[in-house]
Amino acid sequence: MTFSIHRLGVDRLDDFLDLAVQRDWTPEREKCRLLYEIGEVHGVDAPDGDGLAATVALVRFGTRVTAISMMLVARRYERQGLGGRLMRHALDVAGTDTATLTATAYGRPLYERLGFRATGVCDVYTGTFTGTASRRTAELTDLAAVVKLDEEVYGAPRAELFARLPGFCESFRVTEGGFGASWHNGHMTILGPVVAASAADAEDLLSDLAAEATGPIRVEAFLPAAARWARDHGLTPAFSTTIMEYGTPMTTDVSRVYTPVMQALA
């Protein structure tokens, strides 16, 4: 069977979401639309004419890093080498020094065969916040300062992403040497990114963001302090993924990244 990989327009967003649901993922429309706006989605049309056979999304941050995500293959086209072909295609078109992704246990063996290496773990927690606001953080007033701090911490320029975050996010808080935001994805509020100079500052940001949320929240914890905060404030473990990179090692100051914007942009 012949598969042709090509870039998908935003008019295929519903097909993109349908494939995610087929793979037992939640239909995260807000997240996927953002990936289209700041990056590219590539895929393969299903030979049987029913939607998409496979997809992959990539977002470049300058010439340094490409974040790869949404690597999905429809079950009826599994075990035909399509996942490997699509990931090699993503690496070929990325054109950056490094590629990064978060891997499920199912996908990790493929990524390791392609040369990705594990660099950390993301522990995801969900639930209803049981604490109170810290009232020690402030509203965002200087986006340029946040963009500068993010590049210092992340190690690559993400100005285009951060230019969209004030409109994308429900809340954006800052503290000395740090910042945090939350955004709505379906019925869930995601607390991320959270970047802070200390665990205490990160906890203040998380508490203030969570206090403003309505309904269940989700924390994608990159550091133990974020996971501990989640457990201490009513959230329970949902699942874990492995943070992986390919190519030149990233220069991210991981000691300051408590949660990412989203795993797709890790």
C-alpha atoms as a PDB file:
ATOM      1  CA  MET A   1       0.000   0.000   0.000  1.00  0.00           C
ATOM      2  CA  THR A   2       1.355   3.447  -0.943  1.00  0.00           C
ATOM      3  CA  PHE A   3       1.176   6.299   1.561  1.00  0.00           C
ATOM      4  CA  SER A   4       1.804   9.912   0.541  1.00  0.00           C
ATOM      5  CA  ILE A   5       2.784  12.349   3.313  1.00  0.00           C
ATOM      6  CA  HIS A   6       1.723  15.964   2.861  1.00  0.00           C
ATOM      7  CA  ARG A   7       1.012  19.083   4.889  1.00  0.00           C
ATOM      8  CA  LEU A   8      -2.549  19.345   6.170  1.00  0.00           C
ATOM      9  CA  GLY A   9      -4.521  22.579   6.148  1.00  0.00           C
ATOM     10  CA  VAL A  10      -6.655  23.732   9.042  1.00  0.00           C
ATOM     11  CA  ASP A  11      -9.672  22.535   7.046  1.00  0.00           C
ATOM     12  CA  ARG A  12      -8.605  19.033   8.158  1.00  0.00           C
ATOM     13  CA  LEU A  13      -8.825  19.940  11.858  1.00  0.00           C
ATOM     14  CA  ASP A  14     -11.928  17.801  12.391  1.00  0.00           C
ATOM     15  CA  ASP A  15     -10.247  14.808  10.732  1.00  0.00           C
ATOM     16  CA  PHE A  16      -7.201  15.447  12.941  1.00  0.00           C
ATOM     17  CA  LEU A  17      -9.393  15.400  16.049  1.00  0.00           C
ATOM     18  CA  ASP A  18     -11.308  12.323  14.868  1.00  0.00           C
ATOM     19  CA  LEU A  19      -8.055  10.387  14.574  1.00  0.00           C
ATOM     20  CA  ALA A  20      -7.068  11.445  18.094  1.00  0.00           C
ATOM     21  CA  VAL A  21     -10.392  10.165  19.438  1.00  0.00           C
ATOM     22  CA  GLN A  22      -9.914   6.871  17.576  1.00  0.00           C
ATOM     23  CA  ARG A  23      -6.624   6.499  19.474  1.00  0.00           C
ATOM     24  CA  ASP A  24      -8.439   7.124  22.780  1.00  0.00           C
ATOM     25  CA  TRP A  25      -7.139  10.677  23.151  1.00  0.00           C
ATOM     26  CA  THR A  26      -9.467  13.479  24.148  1.00  0.00           C
ATOM     27  CA  PRO A  27     -10.554  15.821  21.303  1.00  0.00           C
ATOM     28  CA  GLU A  28      -8.384  18.811  22.306  1.00  0.00           C
ATOM     29  CA  ARG A  29      -9.609  21.355  19.772  1.00  0.00           C
ATOM     30  CA  GLU A  30      -8.009  24.415  21.387  1.00  0.00           C
ATOM     31  CA  LYS A  31      -4.610  22.762  21.569  1.00  0.00           C
ATOM     32  CA  CYS A  32      -4.732  21.420  18.030  1.00  0.00           C
ATOM     33  CA  ARG A  33      -5.832  24.749  16.577  1.00  0.00           C
ATOM     34  CA  LEU A  34      -2.864  26.441  18.275  1.00  0.00           C
ATOM     35  CA  LEU A  35      -0.520  23.846  16.757  1.00  0.00           C
ATOM     36  CA  TYR A  36      -1.890  24.745  13.325  1.00  0.00           C
ATOM     37  CA  GLU A  37      -1.466  28.476  13.994  1.00  0.00           C
ATOM     38  CA  ILE A  38       2.163  28.402  15.127  1.00  0.00           C
ATOM     39  CA  GLY A  39       3.375  25.229  13.436  1.00  0.00           C
ATOM     40  CA  GLU A  40       2.595  22.607  10.827  1.00  0.00           C
ATOM     41  CA  VAL A  41       0.538  19.435  10.748  1.00  0.00           C
ATOM     42  CA  HIS A  42       1.561  16.741   8.280  1.00  0.00           C
ATOM     43  CA  GLY A  43      -0.300  13.568   7.557  1.00  0.00           C
ATOM     44  CA  VAL A  44      -1.487  10.817   5.273  1.00  0.00           C
ATOM     45  CA  ASP A  45      -4.973  10.540   3.825  1.00  0.00           C
ATOM     46  CA  ALA A  46      -6.610   7.207   4.557  1.00  0.00           C
ATOM     47  CA  PRO A  47      -6.535   5.066   1.386  1.00  0.00           C
ATOM     48  CA  ASP A  48     -10.088   3.927   2.124  1.00  0.00           C
ATOM     49  CA  GLY A  49     -11.255   7.556   1.948  1.00  0.00           C
ATOM     50  CA  ASP A  50     -12.267   7.699   5.603  1.00  0.00           C
ATOM     51  CA  GLY A  51     -10.356  10.598   7.144  1.00  0.00           C
ATOM     52  CA  LEU A  52      -6.670  10.380   7.976  1.00  0.00           C
ATOM     53  CA  ALA A  53      -4.400   7.371   8.257  1.00  0.00           C
ATOM     54  CA  ALA A  54      -1.732   9.201  10.266  1.00  0.00           C
ATOM     55  CA  THR A  55      -0.631  12.628  11.514  1.00  0.00           C
ATOM     56  CA  VAL A  56       2.297  14.444  13.094  1.00  0.00           C
ATOM     57  CA  ALA A  57       2.593  18.069  14.237  1.00  0.00           C
ATOM     58  CA  LEU A  58       5.752  20.145  14.474  1.00  0.00           C
ATOM     59  CA  VAL A  59       6.460  23.608  15.841  1.00  0.00           C
ATOM     60  CA  ARG A  60       9.844  25.244  15.249  1.00  0.00           C
ATOM     61  CA  PHE A  61      11.458  27.617  17.710  1.00  0.00           C
ATOM     62  CA  GLY A  62      14.030  29.452  15.632  1.00  0.00           C
ATOM     63  CA  THR A  63      16.726  27.210  14.189  1.00  0.00           C
ATOM     64  CA  ARG A  64      17.387  25.473  17.492  1.00  0.00           C
ATOM     65  CA  VAL A  65      14.418  23.338  18.483  1.00  0.00           C
ATOM     66  CA  THR A  66      11.403  21.659  16.911  1.00  0.00           C
ATOM     67  CA  ALA A  67       8.670  20.324  19.182  1.00  0.00           C
ATOM     68  CA  ILE A  68       7.035  17.243  17.658  1.00  0.00           C
ATOM     69  CA  SER A  69       3.648  15.963  18.785  1.00  0.00           C
ATOM     70  CA  MET A  70       0.383  14.296  17.779  1.00  0.00           C
ATOM     71  CA  MET A  71       2.126  11.339  16.130  1.00  0.00           C
ATOM     72  CA  LEU A  72      -0.947   9.214  15.482  1.00  0.00           C
ATOM     73  CA  VAL A  73      -1.648   6.221  13.256  1.00  0.00           C
ATOM     74  CA  ALA A  74      -5.153   4.860  12.725  1.00  0.00           C
ATOM     75  CA  ARG A  75      -5.468   1.350  14.134  1.00  0.00           C
ATOM     76  CA  ARG A  76      -6.407  -0.142  10.774  1.00  0.00           C
ATOM     77  CA  TYR A  77      -3.073   1.059   9.327  1.00  0.00           C
ATOM     78  CA  GLU A  78      -0.831  -0.050  12.176  1.00  0.00           C
ATOM     79  CA  ARG A  79       2.172  -2.338  11.659  1.00  0.00           C
ATOM     80  CA  GLN A  80       2.834  -1.093   8.139  1.00  0.00           C
ATOM     81  CA  GLY A  81       5.792   1.149   9.013  1.00  0.00           C
ATOM     82  CA  LEU A  82       3.719   4.305   8.734  1.00  0.00           C
ATOM     83  CA  GLY A  83       4.645   5.692  12.156  1.00  0.00           C
ATOM     84  CA  GLY A  84       8.362   5.378  11.481  1.00  0.00           C
ATOM     85  CA  ARG A  85       8.007   6.952   8.034  1.00  0.00           C
ATOM     86  CA  LEU A  86       6.053   9.881   9.397  1.00  0.00           C
ATOM     87  CA  MET A  87       8.499  10.537  12.235  1.00  0.00           C
ATOM     88  CA  ARG A  88      11.489  10.385   9.884  1.00  0.00           C
ATOM     89  CA  HIS A  89       9.631  12.825   7.634  1.00  0.00           C
ATOM     90  CA  ALA A  90       9.108  15.190  10.584  1.00  0.00           C
ATOM     91  CA  LEU A  91      12.797  15.051  11.479  1.00  0.00           C
ATOM     92  CA  ASP A  92      13.777  15.686   7.853  1.00  0.00           C
ATOM     93  CA  VAL A  93      11.569  18.760   7.443  1.00  0.00           C
ATOM     94  CA  ALA A  94      12.223  20.186  10.929  1.00  0.00           C
ATOM     95  CA  GLY A  95      15.555  21.738   9.952  1.00  0.00           C
ATOM     96  CA  THR A  96      16.608  22.490  13.542  1.00  0.00           C
ATOM     97  CA  ASP A  97      19.485  21.374  15.758  1.00  0.00           C
ATOM     98  CA  THR A  98      17.196  19.518  18.138  1.00  0.00           C
ATOM     99  CA  ALA A  99      13.811  17.821  18.134  1.00  0.00           C
ATOM    100  CA  THR A 100      11.868  17.167  21.309  1.00  0.00           C
ATOM    101  CA  LEU A 101       8.688  15.309  22.238  1.00  0.00           C
ATOM    102  CA  THR A 102       6.901  13.578  25.076  1.00  0.00           C
ATOM    103  CA  ALA A 103       6.370   9.867  24.551  1.00  0.00           C
ATOM    104  CA  THR A 104       3.786   7.444  25.819  1.00  0.00           C
ATOM    105  CA  ALA A 105       4.959   3.964  26.757  1.00  0.00           C
ATOM    106  CA  TYR A 106       3.453   2.791  23.454  1.00  0.00           C
ATOM    107  CA  GLY A 107       5.415   5.238  21.302  1.00  0.00           C
ATOM    108  CA  ARG A 108       8.726   5.304  23.162  1.00  0.00           C
ATOM    109  CA  PRO A 109      10.282   2.185  21.546  1.00  0.00           C
ATOM    110  CA  LEU A 110       9.825   3.686  18.065  1.00  0.00           C
ATOM    111  CA  TYR A 111      11.402   6.975  19.085  1.00  0.00           C
ATOM    112  CA  GLU A 112      14.348   5.196  20.683  1.00  0.00           C
ATOM    113  CA  ARG A 113      14.944   3.226  17.480  1.00  0.00           C
ATOM    114  CA  LEU A 114      15.049   6.527  15.591  1.00  0.00           C
ATOM    115  CA  GLY A 115      17.685   7.947  17.942  1.00  0.00           C
ATOM    116  CA  PHE A 116      15.672   9.850  20.550  1.00  0.00           C
ATOM    117  CA  ARG A 117      16.954   9.704  24.124  1.00  0.00           C
ATOM    118  CA  ALA A 118      15.036  10.109  27.376  1.00  0.00           C
ATOM    119  CA  THR A 119      15.770  13.255  29.397  1.00  0.00           C
ATOM    120  CA  GLY A 120      12.981  13.354  31.969  1.00  0.00           C
ATOM    121  CA  VAL A 121       9.465  12.410  32.992  1.00  0.00           C
ATOM    122  CA  CYS A 122       6.178  14.303  32.875  1.00  0.00           C
ATOM    123  CA  ASP A 123       3.697  13.214  35.558  1.00  0.00           C
ATOM    124  CA  VAL A 124       0.148  14.337  34.788  1.00  0.00           C
ATOM    125  CA  TYR A 125      -2.361  15.038  37.573  1.00  0.00           C
ATOM    126  CA  THR A 126      -6.043  15.935  37.289  1.00  0.00           C
ATOM    127  CA  GLY A 127      -8.827  16.804  39.681  1.00  0.00           C
ATOM    128  CA  THR A 128     -10.558  19.601  41.543  1.00  0.00           C
ATOM    129  CA  PHE A 129      -8.410  22.169  43.344  1.00  0.00           C
ATOM    130  CA  THR A 130      -8.940  22.095  47.111  1.00  0.00           C
ATOM    131  CA  GLY A 131      -6.662  24.934  48.194  1.00  0.00           C
ATOM    132  CA  THR A 132      -6.786  28.731  48.203  1.00  0.00           C
ATOM    133  CA  ALA A 133      -5.030  31.480  46.277  1.00  0.00           C
ATOM    134  CA  SER A 134      -1.644  32.666  47.542  1.00  0.00           C
ATOM    135  CA  ARG A 135      -2.312  36.261  46.453  1.00  0.00           C
ATOM    136  CA  ARG A 136       1.433  36.730  46.026  1.00  0.00           C
ATOM    137  CA  THR A 137       1.526  36.931  42.225  1.00  0.00           C
ATOM    138  CA  ALA A 138       0.541  39.724  39.843  1.00  0.00           C
ATOM    139  CA  GLU A 139      -1.246  40.039  36.526  1.00  0.00           C
ATOM    140  CA  LEU A 140       0.863  40.139  33.370  1.00  0.00           C
ATOM    141  CA  THR A 141       1.834  43.683  32.324  1.00  0.00           C
ATOM    142  CA  ASP A 142       5.153  43.237  30.476  1.00  0.00           C
ATOM    143  CA  LEU A 143       5.000  40.478  27.864  1.00  0.00           C
ATOM    144  CA  ALA A 144       8.420  41.402  26.455  1.00  0.00           C
ATOM    145  CA  ALA A 145      10.039  40.629  29.815  1.00  0.00           C
ATOM    146  CA  VAL A 146       8.307  37.240  29.908  1.00  0.00           C
ATOM    147  CA  VAL A 147       9.459  36.429  26.356  1.00  0.00           C
ATOM    148  CA  LYS A 148      13.039  37.310  27.318  1.00  0.00           C
ATOM    149  CA  LEU A 149      12.883  35.178  30.455  1.00  0.00           C
ATOM    150  CA  ASP A 150      11.383  32.238  28.561  1.00  0.00           C
ATOM    151  CA  GLU A 151      14.190  32.280  25.987  1.00  0.00           C
ATOM    152  CA  GLU A 152      16.751  32.390  28.798  1.00  0.00           C
ATOM    153  CA  VAL A 153      15.160  29.377  30.492  1.00  0.00           C
ATOM    154  CA  TYR A 154      14.031  27.341  27.480  1.00  0.00           C
ATOM    155  CA  GLY A 155      17.134  27.968  25.380  1.00  0.00           C
ATOM    156  CA  ALA A 156      15.359  28.864  22.132  1.00  0.00           C
ATOM    157  CA  PRO A 157      13.257  31.823  20.935  1.00  0.00           C
ATOM    158  CA  ARG A 158       9.520  31.302  21.347  1.00  0.00           C
ATOM    159  CA  ALA A 159       8.305  34.858  20.739  1.00  0.00           C
ATOM    160  CA  GLU A 160       5.611  33.796  18.249  1.00  0.00           C
ATOM    161  CA  LEU A 161       4.153  31.321  20.720  1.00  0.00           C
ATOM    162  CA  PHE A 162       4.190  33.812  23.588  1.00  0.00           C
ATOM    163  CA  ALA A 163       2.669  36.555  21.462  1.00  0.00           C
ATOM    164  CA  ARG A 164      -0.425  34.335  21.208  1.00  0.00           C
ATOM    165  CA  LEU A 165      -0.588  33.213  24.827  1.00  0.00           C
ATOM    166  CA  PRO A 166      -2.295  36.290  26.362  1.00  0.00           C
ATOM    167  CA  GLY A 167      -5.247  35.738  24.024  1.00  0.00           C
ATOM    168  CA  PHE A 168      -5.088  31.952  24.242  1.00  0.00           C
ATOM    169  CA  CYS A 169      -4.807  31.696  28.022  1.00  0.00           C
ATOM    170  CA  GLU A 170      -7.516  32.219  30.615  1.00  0.00           C
ATOM    171  CA  SER A 171      -5.087  33.732  33.118  1.00  0.00           C
ATOM    172  CA  PHE A 172      -1.463  34.938  33.072  1.00  0.00           C
ATOM    173  CA  ARG A 173       0.376  35.630  36.334  1.00  0.00           C
ATOM    174  CA  VAL A 174       3.918  36.780  37.081  1.00  0.00           C
ATOM    175  CA  THR A 175       6.273  36.777  40.025  1.00  0.00           C
ATOM    176  CA  GLU A 176       9.882  37.867  40.475  1.00  0.00           C
ATOM    177  CA  GLY A 177      11.868  35.744  38.028  1.00  0.00           C
ATOM    178  CA  GLY A 178       8.895  33.677  36.928  1.00  0.00           C
ATOM    179  CA  PHE A 179       5.518  33.458  35.244  1.00  0.00           C
ATOM    180  CA  GLY A 180       2.548  31.151  34.927  1.00  0.00           C
ATOM    181  CA  ALA A 181      -0.544  30.792  32.788  1.00  0.00           C
ATOM    182  CA  SER A 182      -3.627  28.624  32.456  1.00  0.00           C
ATOM    183  CA  TRP A 183      -5.747  27.755  29.448  1.00  0.00           C
ATOM    184  CA  HIS A 184      -8.981  25.963  28.778  1.00  0.00           C
ATOM    185  CA  ASN A 185      -8.958  22.689  26.856  1.00  0.00           C
ATOM    186  CA  GLY A 186     -12.365  21.077  26.557  1.00  0.00           C
ATOM    187  CA  HIS A 187     -13.767  20.735  30.079  1.00  0.00           C
ATOM    188  CA  MET A 188     -10.335  20.992  31.715  1.00  0.00           C
ATOM    189  CA  THR A 189      -8.154  23.956  32.717  1.00  0.00           C
ATOM    190  CA  ILE A 190      -4.449  23.302  32.118  1.00  0.00           C
ATOM    191  CA  LEU A 191      -1.986  25.005  34.479  1.00  0.00           C
ATOM    192  CA  GLY A 192       0.989  25.775  32.292  1.00  0.00           C
ATOM    193  CA  PRO A 193       3.462  27.077  31.624  1.00  0.00           C
ATOM    194  CA  VAL A 194       4.839  27.619  35.109  1.00  0.00           C
ATOM    195  CA  VAL A 195       8.419  28.888  35.240  1.00  0.00           C
ATOM    196  CA  ALA A 196       9.828  30.011  38.577  1.00  0.00           C
ATOM    197  CA  ALA A 197      13.074  30.739  40.379  1.00  0.00           C
ATOM    198  CA  SER A 198      12.055  28.595  43.361  1.00  0.00           C
ATOM    199  CA  ALA A 199       9.589  25.898  44.337  1.00  0.00           C
ATOM    200  CA  ALA A 200       7.819  28.362  46.639  1.00  0.00           C
ATOM    201  CA  ASP A 201       7.257  30.793  43.764  1.00  0.00           C
ATOM    202  CA  ALA A 202       6.025  27.949  41.542  1.00  0.00           C
ATOM    203  CA  GLU A 203       3.531  26.882  44.212  1.00  0.00           C
ATOM    204  CA  ASP A 204       2.256  30.471  44.511  1.00  0.00           C
ATOM    205  CA  LEU A 205       1.729  30.641  40.755  1.00  0.00           C
ATOM    206  CA  LEU A 206      -0.016  27.267  40.667  1.00  0.00           C
ATOM    207  CA  SER A 207      -2.312  28.197  43.560  1.00  0.00           C
ATOM    208  CA  ASP A 208      -3.308  31.548  42.076  1.00  0.00           C
ATOM    209  CA  LEU A 209      -3.951  30.035  38.647  1.00  0.00           C
ATOM    210  CA  ALA A 210      -5.938  27.146  40.125  1.00  0.00           C
ATOM    211  CA  ALA A 211      -8.036  29.453  42.300  1.00  0.00           C
ATOM    212  CA  GLU A 212      -9.228  31.282  39.182  1.00  0.00           C
ATOM    213  CA  ALA A 213     -10.211  28.097  37.350  1.00  0.00           C
ATOM    214  CA  THR A 214     -13.707  26.668  37.255  1.00  0.00           C
ATOM    215  CA  GLY A 215     -14.102  22.906  37.073  1.00  0.00           C
ATOM    216  CA  PRO A 216     -11.340  20.293  36.960  1.00  0.00           C
ATOM    217  CA  ILE A 217      -7.704  21.236  36.426  1.00  0.00           C
ATOM    218  CA  ARG A 218      -4.701  19.447  34.991  1.00  0.00           C
ATOM    219  CA  VAL A 219      -1.048  19.787  35.949  1.00  0.00           C
ATOM    220  CA  GLU A 220       1.679  18.353  33.717  1.00  0.00           C
ATOM    221  CA  ALA A 221       4.460  18.185  36.290  1.00  0.00           C
ATOM    222  CA  PHE A 222       8.040  18.334  35.037  1.00  0.00           C
ATOM    223  CA  LEU A 223       9.507  18.737  38.539  1.00  0.00           C
ATOM    224  CA  PRO A 224       8.768  16.958  41.840  1.00  0.00           C
ATOM    225  CA  ALA A 225       7.631  20.214  43.476  1.00  0.00           C
ATOM    226  CA  ALA A 226       4.823  20.598  40.929  1.00  0.00           C
ATOM    227  CA  ALA A 227       3.771  16.974  41.436  1.00  0.00           C
ATOM    228  CA  ARG A 228       3.810  17.429  45.209  1.00  0.00           C
ATOM    229  CA  TRP A 229       1.700  20.587  44.922  1.00  0.00           C
ATOM    230  CA  ALA A 230      -0.821  18.692  42.783  1.00  0.00           C
ATOM    231  CA  ARG A 231      -1.114  15.826  45.273  1.00  0.00           C
ATOM    232  CA  ASP A 232      -1.424  18.241  48.200  1.00  0.00           C
ATOM    233  CA  HIS A 233      -4.242  20.183  46.542  1.00  0.00           C
ATOM    234  CA  GLY A 234      -6.731  17.490  45.598  1.00  0.00           C
ATOM    235  CA  LEU A 235      -5.350  16.178  42.300  1.00  0.00           C
ATOM    236  CA  THR A 236      -4.658  12.528  41.550  1.00  0.00           C
ATOM    237  CA  PRO A 237      -2.228  10.849  39.120  1.00  0.00           C
ATOM    238  CA  ALA A 238      -3.599  10.368  35.595  1.00  0.00           C
ATOM    239  CA  PHE A 239      -0.644   9.115  33.547  1.00  0.00           C
ATOM    240  CA  SER A 240       3.031   9.749  32.840  1.00  0.00           C
ATOM    241  CA  THR A 241       5.058  10.325  29.688  1.00  0.00           C
ATOM    242  CA  THR A 242       8.770  10.406  28.915  1.00  0.00           C
ATOM    243  CA  ILE A 243      10.429  13.632  27.774  1.00  0.00           C
ATOM    244  CA  MET A 244      12.759  12.843  24.866  1.00  0.00           C
ATOM    245  CA  GLU A 245      15.121  14.712  22.574  1.00  0.00           C
ATOM    246  CA  TYR A 246      16.976  14.080  19.324  1.00  0.00           C
ATOM    247  CA  GLY A 247      20.111  15.754  17.988  1.00  0.00           C
ATOM    248  CA  THR A 248      22.010  18.451  19.852  1.00  0.00           C
ATOM    249  CA  PRO A 249      21.238  18.392  23.596  1.00  0.00           C
ATOM    250  CA  MET A 250      18.868  21.150  24.676  1.00  0.00           C
ATOM    251  CA  THR A 251      20.121  23.904  26.959  1.00  0.00           C
ATOM    252  CA  THR A 252      16.872  24.333  28.896  1.00  0.00           C
ATOM    253  CA  ASP A 253      17.313  25.225  32.567  1.00  0.00           C
ATOM    254  CA  VAL A 254      15.133  22.353  33.717  1.00  0.00           C
ATOM    255  CA  SER A 255      15.385  23.454  37.353  1.00  0.00           C
ATOM    256  CA  ARG A 256      13.019  26.350  36.589  1.00  0.00           C
ATOM    257  CA  VAL A 257      10.416  24.654  34.359  1.00  0.00           C
ATOM    258  CA  TYR A 258       7.713  23.280  36.656  1.00  0.00           C
ATOM    259  CA  THR A 259       5.073  22.734  33.965  1.00  0.00           C
ATOM    260  CA  PRO A 260       5.195  23.280  30.182  1.00  0.00           C
ATOM    261  CA  VAL A 261       2.770  25.297  28.078  1.00  0.00           C
ATOM    262  CA  MET A 262       1.556  21.864  26.997  1.00  0.00           C
ATOM    263  CA  GLN A 263       3.261  18.530  26.405  1.00  0.00           C
ATOM    264  CA  ALA A 264       2.979  19.118  22.656  1.00  0.00           C
ATOM    265  CA  LEU A 265       5.325  22.111  23.016  1.00  0.00           C
ATOM    266  CA  ALA A 266       7.699  20.634  25.579  1.00  0.00           C
END
